[in-house]
């Protein structure tokens, strides 16, 4: 098998493959999603390495630092820039977030370095109590019509250009209570797509994201709900299953959480009172 043809910081690359069927074998080119490491630095110091699909790296870095409780908001960011690798200056796999001058972030616990893969998401925070130290339970009256929720999968899917090309990218979409798509991001990792959504809101100084719905294209894990809670998003929906810890966090945070949202049905795991029949 040939090595995939890589274009600098592309979201997808061409790869030679063999398509096997009962009637025979066909040699062809395919488009596959790019997965590359991104080192996130804060003021020149390494914080984390995430595996992501290139694109919206500024949003990803800002969203990651916010949902990890390291940045409190847009007002703490001076600027964000890629750092070129001197050995390979065409790559943009290091990004540095420079905080405002005089801002001391040393007490926010970010000195622990960790590596997060595109599938593992949150690493090191294993308890709901630790999340609630940064993000208390919600206290709002947001409700959404069941019909609106049922319309979200098709609306999300219609905007997934990267998935159409590769079949290998997850999506996160931010909707209002009427089901209007406000923002969509794609990535090899579901939680990266969510960080890009939240990072985009942070950089526009549009946090918190109350009265919004977060829709993800895969399953809902603990880190997805945690990131939504940090951004104060009251409702999370997914086309697939929810994990036990995701349900526990959603329940204790008074959030709405539905899974298996497809085919005219859904499973309400938490906050069923937020759904208007």
Protein backbone atom coordinates (compact mmCIF):
# COMPACT_ATOMS: atom_id res chain seq x y z
CA UNK A 1 0.00 0.00 0.00
CA UNK A 2 1.31 3.42 -0.94
CA UNK A 3 1.85 6.14 1.64
CA UNK A 4 -1.00 8.69 1.61
CA UNK A 5 -0.17 11.82 -0.37
CA UNK A 6 0.02 14.61 2.18
CA UNK A 7 -0.68 18.26 1.48
CA UNK A 8 0.54 20.78 4.05
CA UNK A 9 -2.00 21.08 6.86
CA UNK A 10 -4.76 19.59 4.71
CA UNK A 11 -7.91 18.17 6.32
CA UNK A 12 -7.94 15.21 3.92
CA UNK A 13 -5.35 13.37 1.86
CA UNK A 14 -5.41 10.95 -1.06
CA UNK A 15 -4.57 7.32 -0.38
CA UNK A 16 -4.30 4.37 -2.72
CA UNK A 17 -6.43 1.42 -1.66
CA UNK A 18 -7.86 -1.84 -2.83
CA UNK A 19 -11.66 -2.10 -2.83
CA UNK A 20 -12.66 -5.75 -2.35
CA UNK A 21 -16.08 -7.10 -3.27
CA UNK A 22 -17.48 -10.52 -4.06
CA UNK A 23 -17.19 -9.82 -7.77
CA UNK A 24 -13.56 -8.85 -7.56
CA UNK A 25 -10.91 -6.33 -6.54
CA UNK A 26 -10.58 -2.73 -7.68
CA UNK A 27 -7.53 -0.50 -7.23
CA UNK A 28 -8.53 3.10 -6.61
CA UNK A 29 -7.73 6.37 -4.88
CA UNK A 30 -9.65 7.40 -1.79
CA UNK A 31 -9.82 10.48 0.41
CA UNK A 32 -9.04 9.93 4.10
CA UNK A 33 -9.21 12.29 7.08
CA UNK A 34 -5.95 13.75 8.37
CA UNK A 35 -4.95 13.14 11.99
CA UNK A 36 -1.92 15.04 13.28
CA UNK A 37 -0.62 16.16 16.67
CA UNK A 38 -1.04 19.74 17.82
CA UNK A 39 1.03 20.96 20.74
CA UNK A 40 -0.81 23.64 22.68
CA UNK A 41 1.38 26.08 24.55
CA UNK A 42 0.45 28.81 27.01
CA UNK A 43 2.89 31.69 27.11
CA UNK A 44 5.56 29.52 25.51
CA UNK A 45 5.13 26.62 27.94
CA UNK A 46 3.75 23.29 26.75
CA UNK A 47 0.33 22.41 28.17
CA UNK A 48 -0.90 19.50 26.06
CA UNK A 49 -0.63 17.55 22.85
CA UNK A 50 -3.91 16.67 21.14
CA UNK A 51 -4.50 14.59 18.03
CA UNK A 52 -6.66 16.61 15.67
CA UNK A 53 -7.59 17.38 12.09
CA UNK A 54 -5.84 20.60 11.00
CA UNK A 55 -8.08 23.62 10.73
CA UNK A 56 -9.51 26.11 13.23
CA UNK A 57 -6.44 25.50 15.41
CA UNK A 58 -6.87 28.88 17.10
CA UNK A 59 -10.38 27.92 18.13
CA UNK A 60 -9.28 24.46 19.24
CA UNK A 61 -6.51 25.83 21.46
CA UNK A 62 -8.74 28.49 23.00
CA UNK A 63 -11.62 26.07 23.54
CA UNK A 64 -9.36 23.42 25.04
CA UNK A 65 -7.78 25.86 27.49
CA UNK A 66 -11.20 27.20 28.47
CA UNK A 67 -12.89 23.82 28.97
CA UNK A 68 -9.90 22.67 31.03
CA UNK A 69 -10.40 25.64 33.35
CA UNK A 70 -7.10 27.26 32.37
CA UNK A 71 -8.54 30.34 30.65
CA UNK A 72 -11.54 32.16 32.06
CA UNK A 73 -12.51 34.07 28.95
CA UNK A 74 -11.57 36.07 25.88
CA UNK A 75 -10.33 38.96 27.99
CA UNK A 76 -7.39 36.85 29.19
CA UNK A 77 -6.03 36.22 25.67
CA UNK A 78 -3.52 38.60 24.12
CA UNK A 79 -2.94 36.70 20.88
CA UNK A 80 -2.70 33.19 19.42
CA UNK A 81 -0.15 32.16 16.83
CA UNK A 82 1.32 29.07 15.20
CA UNK A 83 4.97 28.33 15.86
CA UNK A 84 6.80 27.03 12.79
CA UNK A 85 9.00 23.97 13.13
CA UNK A 86 12.50 25.09 12.03
CA UNK A 87 13.18 21.58 10.72
CA UNK A 88 10.00 21.57 8.67
CA UNK A 89 8.61 25.12 8.36
CA UNK A 90 5.66 23.97 6.26
CA UNK A 91 4.09 22.32 9.31
CA UNK A 92 1.91 24.24 11.76
CA UNK A 93 1.64 21.69 14.56
CA UNK A 94 2.52 23.96 17.48
CA UNK A 95 0.28 26.79 18.63
CA UNK A 96 1.02 29.27 21.39
CA UNK A 97 -1.63 31.16 23.31
CA UNK A 98 -0.17 34.32 24.85
CA UNK A 99 -2.11 35.57 27.87
CA UNK A 100 -2.54 39.24 28.65
CA UNK A 101 0.49 40.92 30.21
CA UNK A 102 0.64 40.62 33.98
CA UNK A 103 -1.85 37.75 34.13
CA UNK A 104 -0.76 34.98 36.53
CA UNK A 105 -2.22 31.60 35.54
CA UNK A 106 0.15 29.57 37.73
CA UNK A 107 -2.57 28.70 40.25
CA UNK A 108 -4.92 27.06 37.77
CA UNK A 109 -3.25 23.65 37.74
CA UNK A 110 -2.17 23.57 34.12
CA UNK A 111 1.44 22.69 34.91
CA UNK A 112 0.50 19.02 34.65
CA UNK A 113 1.38 18.00 31.10
CA UNK A 114 -0.74 15.35 29.49
CA UNK A 115 -1.40 13.81 26.10
CA UNK A 116 -4.94 13.53 24.85
CA UNK A 117 -5.72 11.35 21.85
CA UNK A 118 -8.56 12.01 19.43
CA UNK A 119 -10.66 9.39 21.22
CA UNK A 120 -9.78 9.73 24.89
CA UNK A 121 -10.62 13.39 25.42
CA UNK A 122 -10.50 14.32 29.08
CA UNK A 123 -7.49 12.87 30.90
CA UNK A 124 -6.91 13.06 34.65
CA UNK A 125 -10.26 14.45 35.79
CA UNK A 126 -12.17 11.41 36.89
CA UNK A 127 -14.77 12.81 39.25
CA UNK A 128 -17.86 14.91 38.78
CA UNK A 129 -16.89 16.88 41.88
CA UNK A 130 -13.72 18.13 40.21
CA UNK A 131 -15.75 19.45 37.27
CA UNK A 132 -18.21 21.23 39.55
CA UNK A 133 -15.34 23.11 41.16
CA UNK A 134 -15.03 24.97 37.84
CA UNK A 135 -18.61 24.72 36.60
CA UNK A 136 -21.51 24.50 39.06
CA UNK A 137 -24.86 23.02 38.12
CA UNK A 138 -27.07 25.04 35.79
CA UNK A 139 -30.02 27.05 37.06
CA UNK A 140 -32.04 28.13 34.05
CA UNK A 141 -35.42 27.49 32.44
CA UNK A 142 -34.29 26.48 28.94
CA UNK A 143 -36.72 24.12 27.21
CA UNK A 144 -36.89 22.83 23.65
CA UNK A 145 -39.61 21.25 21.54
CA UNK A 146 -39.25 17.54 20.79
CA UNK A 147 -39.86 18.27 17.11
CA UNK A 148 -36.90 20.64 17.03
CA UNK A 149 -34.63 17.99 18.53
CA UNK A 150 -35.79 15.43 15.99
CA UNK A 151 -34.84 17.80 13.16
CA UNK A 152 -31.25 18.31 14.33
CA UNK A 153 -29.54 15.18 12.90
CA UNK A 154 -30.50 16.05 9.31
CA UNK A 155 -29.52 19.69 9.81
CA UNK A 156 -26.16 18.69 11.25
CA UNK A 157 -25.51 16.11 8.55
CA UNK A 158 -26.29 18.56 5.76
CA UNK A 159 -23.38 20.74 6.88
CA UNK A 160 -20.73 18.02 7.17
CA UNK A 161 -18.64 18.75 4.09
CA UNK A 162 -15.58 17.04 5.57
CA UNK A 163 -17.52 13.87 6.26
CA UNK A 164 -18.87 13.91 2.71
CA UNK A 165 -15.28 13.94 1.44
CA UNK A 166 -13.73 11.38 3.78
CA UNK A 167 -16.38 9.57 5.80
CA UNK A 168 -14.00 9.91 8.74
CA UNK A 169 -14.72 13.19 10.52
CA UNK A 170 -16.98 13.84 13.48
CA UNK A 171 -19.07 16.98 13.73
CA UNK A 172 -20.36 19.22 16.50
CA UNK A 173 -23.10 21.73 15.85
CA UNK A 174 -24.44 24.59 17.94
CA UNK A 175 -28.16 25.26 17.53
CA UNK A 176 -30.66 27.71 18.99
CA UNK A 177 -33.94 26.59 20.54
CA UNK A 178 -35.69 26.86 17.17
CA UNK A 179 -33.23 24.42 15.62
CA UNK A 180 -31.27 26.95 13.58
CA UNK A 181 -27.65 25.92 13.03
CA UNK A 182 -25.41 28.66 14.42
CA UNK A 183 -22.01 27.02 14.07
CA UNK A 184 -20.57 23.69 12.87
CA UNK A 185 -17.07 22.28 13.24
CA UNK A 186 -15.56 18.95 12.14
CA UNK A 187 -12.58 17.00 13.42
CA UNK A 188 -11.18 13.49 13.72
CA UNK A 189 -12.05 13.72 17.42
CA UNK A 190 -15.54 14.48 18.73
CA UNK A 191 -14.26 16.45 21.69
CA UNK A 192 -11.96 18.48 19.41
CA UNK A 193 -14.96 19.52 17.33
CA UNK A 194 -16.68 20.64 20.54
CA UNK A 195 -13.58 22.58 21.64
CA UNK A 196 -13.54 24.34 18.27
CA UNK A 197 -17.17 25.38 18.76
CA UNK A 198 -16.50 26.70 22.26
CA UNK A 199 -13.21 28.27 21.23
CA UNK A 200 -14.91 30.15 18.40
CA UNK A 201 -17.42 31.54 20.91
CA UNK A 202 -14.65 32.48 23.32
CA UNK A 203 -12.65 34.36 20.68
CA UNK A 204 -15.81 36.28 19.75
CA UNK A 205 -16.46 36.98 23.46
CA UNK A 206 -19.77 35.14 23.10
CA UNK A 207 -19.58 32.99 26.25
CA UNK A 208 -21.57 31.74 28.08
CA UNK A 209 -23.67 29.82 25.57
CA UNK A 210 -26.97 29.68 27.43
CA UNK A 211 -30.17 28.78 25.54
CA UNK A 212 -28.17 26.70 23.05
CA UNK A 213 -28.15 23.03 22.05
CA UNK A 214 -24.94 21.12 21.34
CA UNK A 215 -25.34 18.27 18.86
CA UNK A 216 -22.57 15.73 18.24
CA UNK A 217 -22.35 13.15 15.48
CA UNK A 218 -21.21 10.22 17.63
CA UNK A 219 -21.63 9.04 21.17
CA UNK A 220 -21.72 11.31 24.22
CA UNK A 221 -18.95 10.75 26.73
CA UNK A 222 -18.13 12.45 30.01
CA UNK A 223 -15.80 14.98 28.42
CA UNK A 224 -18.43 16.13 25.91
CA UNK A 225 -20.91 16.92 28.69
CA UNK A 226 -18.15 18.50 30.79
CA UNK A 227 -17.15 20.84 27.96
CA UNK A 228 -20.78 21.82 27.36
CA UNK A 229 -21.23 22.53 31.06
CA UNK A 230 -18.13 24.71 31.15
CA UNK A 231 -19.65 26.77 28.32
CA UNK A 232 -23.03 26.74 30.15
CA UNK A 233 -24.80 24.93 27.32
CA UNK A 234 -27.98 23.49 28.87
CA UNK A 235 -28.74 20.72 26.37
CA UNK A 236 -26.61 18.08 24.66
CA UNK A 237 -27.87 15.76 21.92
CA UNK A 238 -26.16 12.92 20.07
CA UNK A 239 -26.98 10.47 17.30
CA UNK A 240 -25.47 7.61 19.32
CA UNK A 241 -25.22 6.37 22.89
CA UNK A 242 -24.34 8.14 26.13
CA UNK A 243 -21.89 6.78 28.69
CA UNK A 244 -22.82 6.22 32.32
CA UNK A 245 -20.59 9.02 33.58
CA UNK A 246 -21.96 11.41 30.96
CA UNK A 247 -25.47 10.71 32.24
CA UNK A 248 -24.40 11.17 35.87
CA UNK A 249 -22.75 14.50 35.11
CA UNK A 250 -25.73 15.73 33.09
CA UNK A 251 -28.17 14.74 35.84
CA UNK A 252 -26.15 16.35 38.62
CA UNK A 253 -25.70 19.50 36.51
CA UNK A 254 -29.42 19.81 35.64
CA UNK A 255 -28.66 19.51 31.92
CA UNK A 256 -30.69 17.93 29.18
CA UNK A 257 -29.07 14.91 27.52
CA UNK A 258 -30.52 12.80 24.72
CA UNK A 259 -28.95 10.02 22.73
CA UNK A 260 -29.87 7.81 19.76
CA UNK A 261 -31.47 10.89 18.22
CA UNK A 262 -32.40 9.48 14.84
CA UNK A 263 -35.26 7.89 12.93
CA UNK A 264 -37.91 10.01 14.63
CA UNK A 265 -37.02 8.92 18.16
CA UNK A 266 -34.61 9.67 20.99
CA UNK A 267 -33.57 8.45 24.43
CA UNK A 268 -33.80 11.13 27.11
CA UNK A 269 -31.11 10.23 29.65
CA UNK A 270 -31.28 13.43 31.71
CA UNK A 271 -33.40 16.56 31.88
CA UNK A 272 -36.49 15.12 30.18
CA UNK A 273 -38.40 18.02 31.76
CA UNK A 274 -36.53 20.33 29.38
CA UNK A 275 -38.25 18.67 26.39
CA UNK A 276 -41.64 20.03 25.38
CA UNK A 277 -43.77 17.36 23.73
